[in-house]
Structure formats: C-alpha cells, structure tokens
Amino acid sequence: MINMFKKFAVLFIILMGISVSAQTLKAGVSLVGEVPDSFYGTWRVAAKIDKQSGNVYFKPVTADIWNLSRTGDVINLNNPFTGASATVKLDYVEGNIIRFTKTGDYDVNKKLTDTVDLKLVGDTFTGVNYITLETFSTHDNSLIKKDTAIYILKGEKISGTSITGK
C-alpha cells in the first residue's frame, strides 16, 4: 500500500511539472502572437513624472524614441539615440492593451526595471511606465534601497511596423 502511494505521488509530481511547463510555454508564445501589428515600429514617446519615492532624482519630463520589433517570439525595444536595447517580456495582452516589462543593469550595482502599460489607438498610445531602480551591496549583493517613479506616457507612431515585417 505504501509503495503504491509512493508511485502515485511521483506520478502526480511529474504530471504537475509537465502541466506547469506546458502552461508557461503556451502563455509566452500565445502572448507574442496576440500583439497587434500596429505595436511594432518607431515611436516618439513623451513621459511626464506623476509620482516618485526614494531619494533618486528622476527627470520630470522626458522625450524618447522607441523602436519596437519582433524576431520570432522575441520582442526588442531599441533606442537609436541612446543605443540602449532590451528584450521585452510580455506580461499581458488583451486586444489593444499591452503590458510589458524590461529589466537591465544600470551602473555597477543597480538594476532598472520598467513595466509599461499602454493602450494603442491607431498611430498613438497612452500609458503608464512604472520604474523601479534597485541598488545592491557590492559586498554581498543584498538589496540596499529601492527607488520608484511613475510616468504618464504618450506615444506617436513615426514610422513602420517591425524591421522584420512581423
């Protein structure tokens, strides 16, 4: 009886692992396919700070260029002025409403995370950018502080769709 219970427990754990892996893979692939083609291309983006916390100075107003492109199941965001480039992780897509996150190193011991919620309307979008700047100890890599900012976004399509045509 105990042996049969062990076999059942092992089978259950294996099936749960397969189920979780399949759901994760399906979610990642299906979200990229749900992104409207109008999302891709070059955008002029204006951002105005709404709120901030911590002691880091965040610029009150910014103007930027985003080039959003897709290659296979990977979405990239590039800024031709700064040379910055990041892979975008889709968190949510529902019609013309999209949430994505990009994370990257900022300075030696800092990590910058942008989470963007936007609503596409033709060749424009409006949205919110939630920024988190985390500073880590150079001694043991523990989190020392976290600064945040919230920006209100307005985007205007400048050109194109994706560089790769998809």
C-alpha atoms as a PDB file:
ATOM      1  CA  MET A   1       0.000   0.000   0.000  1.00  0.00           C
ATOM      2  CA  ILE A   2       2.813   2.438   0.877  1.00  0.00           C
ATOM      3  CA  ASN A   3       4.663   1.506  -2.319  1.00  0.00           C
ATOM      4  CA  MET A   4       1.532   2.237  -4.382  1.00  0.00           C
ATOM      5  CA  PHE A   5       1.151   5.602  -2.626  1.00  0.00           C
ATOM      6  CA  LYS A   6       4.781   6.484  -3.465  1.00  0.00           C
ATOM      7  CA  LYS A   7       4.204   5.638  -7.137  1.00  0.00           C
ATOM      8  CA  PHE A   8       1.053   7.752  -7.185  1.00  0.00           C
ATOM      9  CA  ALA A   9       2.884  10.686  -5.528  1.00  0.00           C
ATOM     10  CA  VAL A  10       5.775  10.504  -8.034  1.00  0.00           C
ATOM     11  CA  LEU A  11       3.362  10.312 -10.979  1.00  0.00           C
ATOM     12  CA  PHE A  12       1.404  13.289  -9.607  1.00  0.00           C
ATOM     13  CA  ILE A  13       4.585  15.380  -9.228  1.00  0.00           C
ATOM     14  CA  ILE A  14       5.721  14.513 -12.772  1.00  0.00           C
ATOM     15  CA  LEU A  15       2.324  15.376 -14.257  1.00  0.00           C
ATOM     16  CA  MET A  16       2.190  18.668 -12.350  1.00  0.00           C
ATOM     17  CA  GLY A  17       5.675  19.564 -13.632  1.00  0.00           C
ATOM     18  CA  ILE A  18       4.655  18.830 -17.228  1.00  0.00           C
ATOM     19  CA  SER A  19       1.420  20.792 -16.795  1.00  0.00           C
ATOM     20  CA  VAL A  20       3.194  23.855 -15.362  1.00  0.00           C
ATOM     21  CA  SER A  21       5.855  23.777 -18.106  1.00  0.00           C
ATOM     22  CA  ALA A  22       3.242  23.472 -20.845  1.00  0.00           C
ATOM     23  CA  GLN A  23       1.211  26.377 -19.454  1.00  0.00           C
ATOM     24  CA  THR A  24       4.301  28.598 -19.184  1.00  0.00           C
ATOM     25  CA  LEU A  25       5.402  27.843 -22.739  1.00  0.00           C
ATOM     26  CA  LYS A  26       1.888  28.307 -24.125  1.00  0.00           C
ATOM     27  CA  ALA A  27       1.425  31.636 -22.346  1.00  0.00           C
ATOM     28  CA  GLY A  28       4.739  33.063 -23.630  1.00  0.00           C
ATOM     29  CA  VAL A  29       4.171  32.037 -27.225  1.00  0.00           C
ATOM     30  CA  SER A  30       0.492  32.957 -27.378  1.00  0.00           C
ATOM     31  CA  LEU A  31       1.025  36.454 -25.952  1.00  0.00           C
ATOM     32  CA  VAL A  32       3.509  37.394 -28.687  1.00  0.00           C
ATOM     33  CA  GLY A  33       1.033  36.224 -31.302  1.00  0.00           C
ATOM     34  CA  GLU A  34      -1.717  38.384 -29.771  1.00  0.00           C
ATOM     35  CA  VAL A  35       0.223  41.657 -30.040  1.00  0.00           C
ATOM     36  CA  PRO A  36      -1.330  43.882 -32.730  1.00  0.00           C
ATOM     37  CA  ASP A  37       0.961  44.618 -35.694  1.00  0.00           C
ATOM     38  CA  SER A  38       0.460  48.347 -35.030  1.00  0.00           C
ATOM     39  CA  PHE A  39       2.563  47.921 -31.851  1.00  0.00           C
ATOM     40  CA  TYR A  40       5.705  47.430 -33.930  1.00  0.00           C
ATOM     41  CA  GLY A  41       7.590  50.316 -35.471  1.00  0.00           C
ATOM     42  CA  THR A  42       9.220  53.546 -34.374  1.00  0.00           C
ATOM     43  CA  TRP A  43       7.528  55.702 -31.760  1.00  0.00           C
ATOM     44  CA  ARG A  44       8.133  59.185 -30.359  1.00  0.00           C
ATOM     45  CA  VAL A  45       7.421  58.850 -26.644  1.00  0.00           C
ATOM     46  CA  ALA A  46       6.842  61.690 -24.188  1.00  0.00           C
ATOM     47  CA  ALA A  47       6.820  60.943 -20.477  1.00  0.00           C
ATOM     48  CA  LYS A  48       5.862  63.154 -17.550  1.00  0.00           C
ATOM     49  CA  ILE A  49       6.525  62.096 -13.974  1.00  0.00           C
ATOM     50  CA  ASP A  50       3.422  61.552 -11.860  1.00  0.00           C
ATOM     51  CA  LYS A  51       4.893  60.207  -8.597  1.00  0.00           C
ATOM     52  CA  GLN A  52       8.234  59.124  -7.190  1.00  0.00           C
ATOM     53  CA  SER A  53       9.639  57.697  -3.984  1.00  0.00           C
ATOM     54  CA  GLY A  54      13.132  57.405  -2.613  1.00  0.00           C
ATOM     55  CA  ASN A  55      15.965  59.874  -2.948  1.00  0.00           C
ATOM     56  CA  VAL A  56      16.981  59.358  -6.592  1.00  0.00           C
ATOM     57  CA  TYR A  57      16.294  62.277  -8.904  1.00  0.00           C
ATOM     58  CA  PHE A  58      14.091  61.160 -11.795  1.00  0.00           C
ATOM     59  CA  LYS A  59      13.714  63.603 -14.682  1.00  0.00           C
ATOM     60  CA  PRO A  60      10.328  65.377 -14.533  1.00  0.00           C
ATOM     61  CA  VAL A  61       9.797  65.192 -18.319  1.00  0.00           C
ATOM     62  CA  THR A  62      11.467  63.024 -20.968  1.00  0.00           C
ATOM     63  CA  ALA A  63      11.266  62.599 -24.724  1.00  0.00           C
ATOM     64  CA  ASP A  64      12.455  59.387 -26.325  1.00  0.00           C
ATOM     65  CA  ILE A  65      12.394  57.218 -29.423  1.00  0.00           C
ATOM     66  CA  TRP A  66      11.357  53.565 -29.152  1.00  0.00           C
ATOM     67  CA  ASN A  67      11.799  51.106 -31.978  1.00  0.00           C
ATOM     68  CA  LEU A  68       9.740  48.000 -31.206  1.00  0.00           C
ATOM     69  CA  SER A  69      10.428  44.976 -33.384  1.00  0.00           C
ATOM     70  CA  ARG A  70       9.800  41.258 -33.352  1.00  0.00           C
ATOM     71  CA  THR A  71      12.001  38.402 -34.456  1.00  0.00           C
ATOM     72  CA  GLY A  72      10.221  35.084 -33.981  1.00  0.00           C
ATOM     73  CA  ASP A  73       8.888  35.034 -30.423  1.00  0.00           C
ATOM     74  CA  VAL A  74      11.226  37.768 -29.162  1.00  0.00           C
ATOM     75  CA  ILE A  75      10.242  41.432 -28.953  1.00  0.00           C
ATOM     76  CA  ASN A  76      13.027  44.013 -28.785  1.00  0.00           C
ATOM     77  CA  LEU A  77      12.925  47.644 -27.754  1.00  0.00           C
ATOM     78  CA  ASN A  78      15.772  49.792 -29.119  1.00  0.00           C
ATOM     79  CA  ASN A  79      16.529  53.467 -28.627  1.00  0.00           C
ATOM     80  CA  PRO A  80      18.588  54.800 -31.567  1.00  0.00           C
ATOM     81  CA  PHE A  81      19.654  57.934 -29.650  1.00  0.00           C
ATOM     82  CA  THR A  82      20.992  56.270 -26.515  1.00  0.00           C
ATOM     83  CA  GLY A  83      21.998  52.968 -28.113  1.00  0.00           C
ATOM     84  CA  ALA A  84      20.023  51.126 -25.428  1.00  0.00           C
ATOM     85  CA  SER A  85      18.482  47.811 -26.392  1.00  0.00           C
ATOM     86  CA  ALA A  86      16.405  45.364 -24.369  1.00  0.00           C
ATOM     87  CA  THR A  87      14.307  42.269 -24.818  1.00  0.00           C
ATOM     88  CA  VAL A  88      10.728  42.891 -23.781  1.00  0.00           C
ATOM     89  CA  LYS A  89       8.815  40.402 -21.628  1.00  0.00           C
ATOM     90  CA  LEU A  90       5.092  40.478 -22.350  1.00  0.00           C
ATOM     91  CA  ASP A  91       3.042  40.309 -19.172  1.00  0.00           C
ATOM     92  CA  TYR A  92      -0.424  40.912 -20.612  1.00  0.00           C
ATOM     93  CA  VAL A  93      -2.103  41.396 -23.982  1.00  0.00           C
ATOM     94  CA  GLU A  94      -5.826  41.957 -24.423  1.00  0.00           C
ATOM     95  CA  GLY A  95      -6.729  43.481 -27.767  1.00  0.00           C
ATOM     96  CA  ASN A  96      -5.028  46.870 -27.942  1.00  0.00           C
ATOM     97  CA  ILE A  97      -3.993  46.897 -24.263  1.00  0.00           C
ATOM     98  CA  ILE A  98      -0.462  45.661 -23.610  1.00  0.00           C
ATOM     99  CA  ARG A  99       1.741  45.328 -20.527  1.00  0.00           C
ATOM    100  CA  PHE A 100       5.426  44.611 -20.945  1.00  0.00           C
ATOM    101  CA  THR A 101       8.499  44.638 -18.733  1.00  0.00           C
ATOM    102  CA  LYS A 102      12.142  45.212 -19.488  1.00  0.00           C
ATOM    103  CA  THR A 103      14.929  44.853 -16.969  1.00  0.00           C
ATOM    104  CA  GLY A 104      18.575  45.745 -17.280  1.00  0.00           C
ATOM    105  CA  ASP A 105      21.711  46.643 -15.386  1.00  0.00           C
ATOM    106  CA  TYR A 106      22.103  50.307 -14.564  1.00  0.00           C
ATOM    107  CA  ASP A 107      25.521  51.281 -13.336  1.00  0.00           C
ATOM    108  CA  VAL A 108      27.709  48.816 -11.441  1.00  0.00           C
ATOM    109  CA  ASN A 109      25.402  47.649  -8.660  1.00  0.00           C
ATOM    110  CA  LYS A 110      21.969  48.769  -9.835  1.00  0.00           C
ATOM    111  CA  LYS A 111      19.082  47.159 -11.702  1.00  0.00           C
ATOM    112  CA  LEU A 112      16.435  49.171 -13.554  1.00  0.00           C
ATOM    113  CA  THR A 113      13.022  47.637 -14.243  1.00  0.00           C
ATOM    114  CA  ASP A 114      10.414  49.309 -16.451  1.00  0.00           C
ATOM    115  CA  THR A 115       6.874  47.975 -16.513  1.00  0.00           C
ATOM    116  CA  VAL A 116       4.787  49.678 -19.187  1.00  0.00           C
ATOM    117  CA  ASP A 117       1.007  49.573 -19.528  1.00  0.00           C
ATOM    118  CA  LEU A 118      -0.200  51.049 -22.794  1.00  0.00           C
ATOM    119  CA  LYS A 119      -3.315  51.337 -24.876  1.00  0.00           C
ATOM    120  CA  LEU A 120      -2.900  51.509 -28.650  1.00  0.00           C
ATOM    121  CA  VAL A 121      -5.308  53.728 -30.569  1.00  0.00           C
ATOM    122  CA  GLY A 122      -4.351  53.843 -34.244  1.00  0.00           C
ATOM    123  CA  ASP A 123      -0.966  55.560 -34.564  1.00  0.00           C
ATOM    124  CA  THR A 124      -0.897  56.719 -30.930  1.00  0.00           C
ATOM    125  CA  PHE A 125      -0.804  55.222 -27.475  1.00  0.00           C
ATOM    126  CA  THR A 126      -1.287  56.391 -23.917  1.00  0.00           C
ATOM    127  CA  GLY A 127       0.018  54.624 -20.887  1.00  0.00           C
ATOM    128  CA  VAL A 128       1.910  54.449 -17.647  1.00  0.00           C
ATOM    129  CA  ASN A 129       5.550  53.497 -17.022  1.00  0.00           C
ATOM    130  CA  TYR A 130       6.342  52.085 -13.565  1.00  0.00           C
ATOM    131  CA  ILE A 131      10.088  52.358 -12.901  1.00  0.00           C
ATOM    132  CA  THR A 132      11.998  50.611 -10.139  1.00  0.00           C
ATOM    133  CA  LEU A 133      15.695  51.299  -9.530  1.00  0.00           C
ATOM    134  CA  GLU A 134      17.232  48.823  -7.102  1.00  0.00           C
ATOM    135  CA  THR A 135      20.667  49.367  -5.550  1.00  0.00           C
ATOM    136  CA  PHE A 136      22.586  46.315  -4.331  1.00  0.00           C
ATOM    137  CA  SER A 137      25.500  45.930  -1.956  1.00  0.00           C
ATOM    138  CA  THR A 138      28.866  45.356  -3.646  1.00  0.00           C
ATOM    139  CA  HIS A 139      29.799  43.241  -0.629  1.00  0.00           C
ATOM    140  CA  ASP A 140      27.053  40.585  -0.573  1.00  0.00           C
ATOM    141  CA  ASN A 141      24.650  41.660  -3.359  1.00  0.00           C
ATOM    142  CA  SER A 142      21.834  42.306  -0.867  1.00  0.00           C
ATOM    143  CA  LEU A 143      19.253  44.956  -1.678  1.00  0.00           C
ATOM    144  CA  ILE A 144      20.238  48.296  -0.123  1.00  0.00           C
ATOM    145  CA  LYS A 145      17.456  50.513  -1.428  1.00  0.00           C
ATOM    146  CA  LYS A 146      14.645  50.746  -3.934  1.00  0.00           C
ATOM    147  CA  ASP A 147      13.603  53.955  -5.694  1.00  0.00           C
ATOM    148  CA  THR A 148      10.458  54.165  -7.809  1.00  0.00           C
ATOM    149  CA  ALA A 149       8.805  56.517 -10.252  1.00  0.00           C
ATOM    150  CA  ILE A 150       5.585  56.538 -12.229  1.00  0.00           C
ATOM    151  CA  TYR A 151       5.451  58.315 -15.574  1.00  0.00           C
ATOM    152  CA  ILE A 152       2.418  59.109 -17.716  1.00  0.00           C
ATOM    153  CA  LEU A 153       3.203  58.223 -21.353  1.00  0.00           C
ATOM    154  CA  LYS A 154       2.039  59.471 -24.728  1.00  0.00           C
ATOM    155  CA  GLY A 155       3.337  57.840 -27.886  1.00  0.00           C
ATOM    156  CA  GLU A 156       3.063  58.784 -31.527  1.00  0.00           C
ATOM    157  CA  LYS A 157       3.989  56.425 -34.367  1.00  0.00           C
ATOM    158  CA  ILE A 158       6.792  57.857 -36.508  1.00  0.00           C
ATOM    159  CA  SER A 159       7.165  55.032 -38.993  1.00  0.00           C
ATOM    160  CA  GLY A 160       6.769  51.427 -39.972  1.00  0.00           C
ATOM    161  CA  THR A 161       5.951  48.247 -38.267  1.00  0.00           C
ATOM    162  CA  SER A 162       8.643  45.767 -37.297  1.00  0.00           C
ATOM    163  CA  ILE A 163      12.014  45.797 -39.025  1.00  0.00           C
ATOM    164  CA  THR A 164      11.440  42.118 -39.821  1.00  0.00           C
ATOM    165  CA  GLY A 165       7.955  42.773 -41.207  1.00  0.00           C
ATOM    166  CA  LYS A 166       6.126  40.928 -38.433  1.00  0.00           C
END
